[in-house]
Amino acid sequence: QVQLVESGGGLVQAGGSLRLSCAASGRIFSINPMGWYRQAPGKQRELVATVTRLRTTNYAESVKGRFTISRDNTKDTVYLQMNSLKPEDTAVYYCYAADIVLHRNYWGQGTQVTVSS
């Protein structure tokens, strides 16, 4: 089992910044990749960004150039730096981790990000 604990959400004005963190614990040796998804009210959960252990990144088109995902393998933690936030970024953000040995996906509890106009 893998546990994911998120932090860093909140309320910010448009144009502002937030940084999300997600710490993994448990069976972490086979976790790859990690990342973030988000779900806005009335919408499906969507990919925001992922990062592998070798730090290969993948971003949704809507956040490219504004969000940066990073990973500290020594702390088993993934970060999402969100700059130039827009009201349409408002959503619950979920940390995600994939176990490539067990072929299982794990999710954090979610953290609310609200961007006011």
C-alpha atoms as a PDB file:
ATOM      1  CA  GLN A   1       0.000   0.000   0.000  1.00  0.00           C
ATOM      2  CA  VAL A   2       1.004   3.586  -0.626  1.00  0.00           C
ATOM      3  CA  GLN A   3      -0.205   6.605   1.298  1.00  0.00           C
ATOM      4  CA  LEU A   4      -0.220  10.064  -0.270  1.00  0.00           C
ATOM      5  CA  VAL A   5      -0.524  13.176   1.875  1.00  0.00           C
ATOM      6  CA  GLU A   6      -1.125  16.481   0.142  1.00  0.00           C
ATOM      7  CA  SER A   7      -0.736  20.025   1.354  1.00  0.00           C
ATOM      8  CA  GLY A   8      -0.619  23.550   0.004  1.00  0.00           C
ATOM      9  CA  GLY A   9      -4.032  24.312  -1.436  1.00  0.00           C
ATOM     10  CA  GLY A  10      -5.968  27.467  -0.686  1.00  0.00           C
ATOM     11  CA  LEU A  11      -7.528  30.644  -2.005  1.00  0.00           C
ATOM     12  CA  VAL A  12      -5.572  32.989  -4.251  1.00  0.00           C
ATOM     13  CA  GLN A  13      -6.359  35.854  -6.589  1.00  0.00           C
ATOM     14  CA  ALA A  14      -5.967  35.491 -10.327  1.00  0.00           C
ATOM     15  CA  GLY A  15      -2.345  35.918 -11.317  1.00  0.00           C
ATOM     16  CA  GLY A  16      -1.121  34.601  -8.005  1.00  0.00           C
ATOM     17  CA  SER A  17       0.848  31.493  -7.123  1.00  0.00           C
ATOM     18  CA  LEU A  18       0.471  28.391  -5.000  1.00  0.00           C
ATOM     19  CA  ARG A  19       2.682  25.398  -4.332  1.00  0.00           C
ATOM     20  CA  LEU A  20       1.260  21.946  -3.706  1.00  0.00           C
ATOM     21  CA  SER A  21       3.196  19.149  -2.044  1.00  0.00           C
ATOM     22  CA  CYS A  22       2.526  15.431  -1.899  1.00  0.00           C
ATOM     23  CA  ALA A  23       4.505  13.079   0.322  1.00  0.00           C
ATOM     24  CA  ALA A  24       4.406   9.343  -0.368  1.00  0.00           C
ATOM     25  CA  SER A  25       4.957   6.609   2.190  1.00  0.00           C
ATOM     26  CA  GLY A  26       4.598   2.858   2.355  1.00  0.00           C
ATOM     27  CA  ARG A  27       5.457   0.670  -0.612  1.00  0.00           C
ATOM     28  CA  ILE A  28       7.268   3.386  -2.540  1.00  0.00           C
ATOM     29  CA  PHE A  29      10.106   1.566  -4.257  1.00  0.00           C
ATOM     30  CA  SER A  30       7.950   0.700  -7.269  1.00  0.00           C
ATOM     31  CA  ILE A  31       6.177   4.053  -7.537  1.00  0.00           C
ATOM     32  CA  ASN A  32       6.674   5.658 -10.947  1.00  0.00           C
ATOM     33  CA  PRO A  33       5.383   8.095 -12.094  1.00  0.00           C
ATOM     34  CA  MET A  34       3.818  10.517  -9.640  1.00  0.00           C
ATOM     35  CA  GLY A  35       1.748  13.515 -10.511  1.00  0.00           C
ATOM     36  CA  TRP A  36      -1.324  15.661 -10.123  1.00  0.00           C
ATOM     37  CA  TYR A  37      -4.845  15.508 -11.467  1.00  0.00           C
ATOM     38  CA  ARG A  38      -7.671  17.942 -10.831  1.00  0.00           C
ATOM     39  CA  GLN A  39     -11.435  17.895 -10.840  1.00  0.00           C
ATOM     40  CA  ALA A  40     -13.602  20.978 -11.146  1.00  0.00           C
ATOM     41  CA  PRO A  41     -17.283  20.930 -10.165  1.00  0.00           C
ATOM     42  CA  GLY A  42     -19.349  19.138 -12.769  1.00  0.00           C
ATOM     43  CA  LYS A  43     -16.316  18.041 -14.739  1.00  0.00           C
ATOM     44  CA  GLN A  44     -14.286  14.879 -15.082  1.00  0.00           C
ATOM     45  CA  ARG A  45     -10.947  14.441 -13.366  1.00  0.00           C
ATOM     46  CA  GLU A  46      -8.163  15.526 -15.695  1.00  0.00           C
ATOM     47  CA  LEU A  47      -4.407  15.231 -15.868  1.00  0.00           C
ATOM     48  CA  VAL A  48      -2.417  18.257 -14.767  1.00  0.00           C
ATOM     49  CA  ALA A  49       1.168  16.984 -14.768  1.00  0.00           C
ATOM     50  CA  THR A  50       3.255  13.900 -14.100  1.00  0.00           C
ATOM     51  CA  VAL A  51       6.933  13.292 -13.383  1.00  0.00           C
ATOM     52  CA  THR A  52       8.976  10.085 -13.440  1.00  0.00           C
ATOM     53  CA  ARG A  53      11.846   9.079 -11.156  1.00  0.00           C
ATOM     54  CA  LEU A  54      14.199  10.242 -13.904  1.00  0.00           C
ATOM     55  CA  ARG A  55      12.348  13.566 -13.847  1.00  0.00           C
ATOM     56  CA  THR A  56      10.719  13.245 -17.229  1.00  0.00           C
ATOM     57  CA  THR A  57       7.680  15.517 -17.125  1.00  0.00           C
ATOM     58  CA  ASN A  58       4.345  15.678 -18.898  1.00  0.00           C
ATOM     59  CA  TYR A  59       1.879  18.580 -18.732  1.00  0.00           C
ATOM     60  CA  ALA A  60      -1.643  19.310 -19.805  1.00  0.00           C
ATOM     61  CA  GLU A  61      -1.689  21.919 -22.541  1.00  0.00           C
ATOM     62  CA  SER A  62      -3.751  24.247 -20.371  1.00  0.00           C
ATOM     63  CA  VAL A  63      -1.003  24.552 -17.736  1.00  0.00           C
ATOM     64  CA  LYS A  64       2.156  24.502 -19.855  1.00  0.00           C
ATOM     65  CA  GLY A  65       4.358  27.486 -19.137  1.00  0.00           C
ATOM     66  CA  ARG A  66       2.527  28.259 -15.889  1.00  0.00           C
ATOM     67  CA  PHE A  67       2.862  25.123 -13.759  1.00  0.00           C
ATOM     68  CA  THR A  68       6.042  23.244 -12.894  1.00  0.00           C
ATOM     69  CA  ILE A  69       6.129  19.741 -11.451  1.00  0.00           C
ATOM     70  CA  SER A  70       9.174  18.474  -9.601  1.00  0.00           C
ATOM     71  CA  ARG A  71      10.129  15.456  -7.559  1.00  0.00           C
ATOM     72  CA  ASP A  72      12.481  14.889  -4.656  1.00  0.00           C
ATOM     73  CA  ASN A  73      13.285  11.192  -4.661  1.00  0.00           C
ATOM     74  CA  THR A  74      15.158  11.467  -1.347  1.00  0.00           C
ATOM     75  CA  LYS A  75      11.938  12.649   0.326  1.00  0.00           C
ATOM     76  CA  ASP A  76       9.501  10.696  -1.873  1.00  0.00           C
ATOM     77  CA  THR A  77       7.709  13.963  -2.445  1.00  0.00           C
ATOM     78  CA  VAL A  78       6.306  15.602  -5.547  1.00  0.00           C
ATOM     79  CA  TYR A  79       5.616  19.318  -5.874  1.00  0.00           C
ATOM     80  CA  LEU A  80       3.453  21.404  -8.160  1.00  0.00           C
ATOM     81  CA  GLN A  81       4.400  25.057  -8.460  1.00  0.00           C
ATOM     82  CA  MET A  82       1.460  26.924  -9.927  1.00  0.00           C
ATOM     83  CA  ASN A  83       2.048  30.452 -11.244  1.00  0.00           C
ATOM     84  CA  SER A  84      -0.165  32.880 -13.144  1.00  0.00           C
ATOM     85  CA  LEU A  85      -3.232  31.140 -11.772  1.00  0.00           C
ATOM     86  CA  LYS A  86      -6.545  31.636 -13.530  1.00  0.00           C
ATOM     87  CA  PRO A  87     -10.120  31.207 -12.259  1.00  0.00           C
ATOM     88  CA  GLU A  88     -10.433  28.165 -14.525  1.00  0.00           C
ATOM     89  CA  ASP A  89      -7.682  26.477 -12.471  1.00  0.00           C
ATOM     90  CA  THR A  90     -10.149  26.256  -9.592  1.00  0.00           C
ATOM     91  CA  ALA A  91     -10.573  22.591  -8.703  1.00  0.00           C
ATOM     92  CA  VAL A  92      -9.762  19.890  -6.207  1.00  0.00           C
ATOM     93  CA  TYR A  93      -6.221  18.764  -6.931  1.00  0.00           C
ATOM     94  CA  TYR A  94      -5.366  15.114  -6.350  1.00  0.00           C
ATOM     95  CA  CYS A  95      -1.930  13.633  -5.964  1.00  0.00           C
ATOM     96  CA  TYR A  96      -1.428  10.476  -7.992  1.00  0.00           C
ATOM     97  CA  ALA A  97       1.075   7.638  -7.898  1.00  0.00           C
ATOM     98  CA  ALA A  98       1.339   4.559 -10.071  1.00  0.00           C
ATOM     99  CA  ASP A  99       2.771   1.278  -8.842  1.00  0.00           C
ATOM    100  CA  ILE A 100       4.440  -0.203 -11.902  1.00  0.00           C
ATOM    101  CA  VAL A 101       4.920  -3.621 -10.278  1.00  0.00           C
ATOM    102  CA  LEU A 102       1.440  -4.137  -8.833  1.00  0.00           C
ATOM    103  CA  HIS A 103      -0.247  -2.160 -11.637  1.00  0.00           C
ATOM    104  CA  ARG A 104      -2.198  -0.107  -9.141  1.00  0.00           C
ATOM    105  CA  ASN A 105      -2.941   3.583  -8.922  1.00  0.00           C
ATOM    106  CA  TYR A 106      -3.067   5.511  -5.690  1.00  0.00           C
ATOM    107  CA  TRP A 107      -4.743   8.849  -4.937  1.00  0.00           C
ATOM    108  CA  GLY A 108      -4.409  11.453  -2.239  1.00  0.00           C
ATOM    109  CA  GLN A 109      -7.400  12.881  -0.410  1.00  0.00           C
ATOM    110  CA  GLY A 110      -7.435  16.005  -2.550  1.00  0.00           C
ATOM    111  CA  THR A 111      -6.719  19.632  -1.785  1.00  0.00           C
ATOM    112  CA  GLN A 112      -8.909  22.547  -2.839  1.00  0.00           C
ATOM    113  CA  VAL A 113      -7.450  25.295  -5.004  1.00  0.00           C
ATOM    114  CA  THR A 114      -9.683  28.321  -5.535  1.00  0.00           C
ATOM    115  CA  VAL A 115      -8.672  31.189  -7.805  1.00  0.00           C
ATOM    116  CA  SER A 116     -10.767  34.337  -7.546  1.00  0.00           C
ATOM    117  CA  SER A 117     -11.132  36.786 -10.397  1.00  0.00           C
END
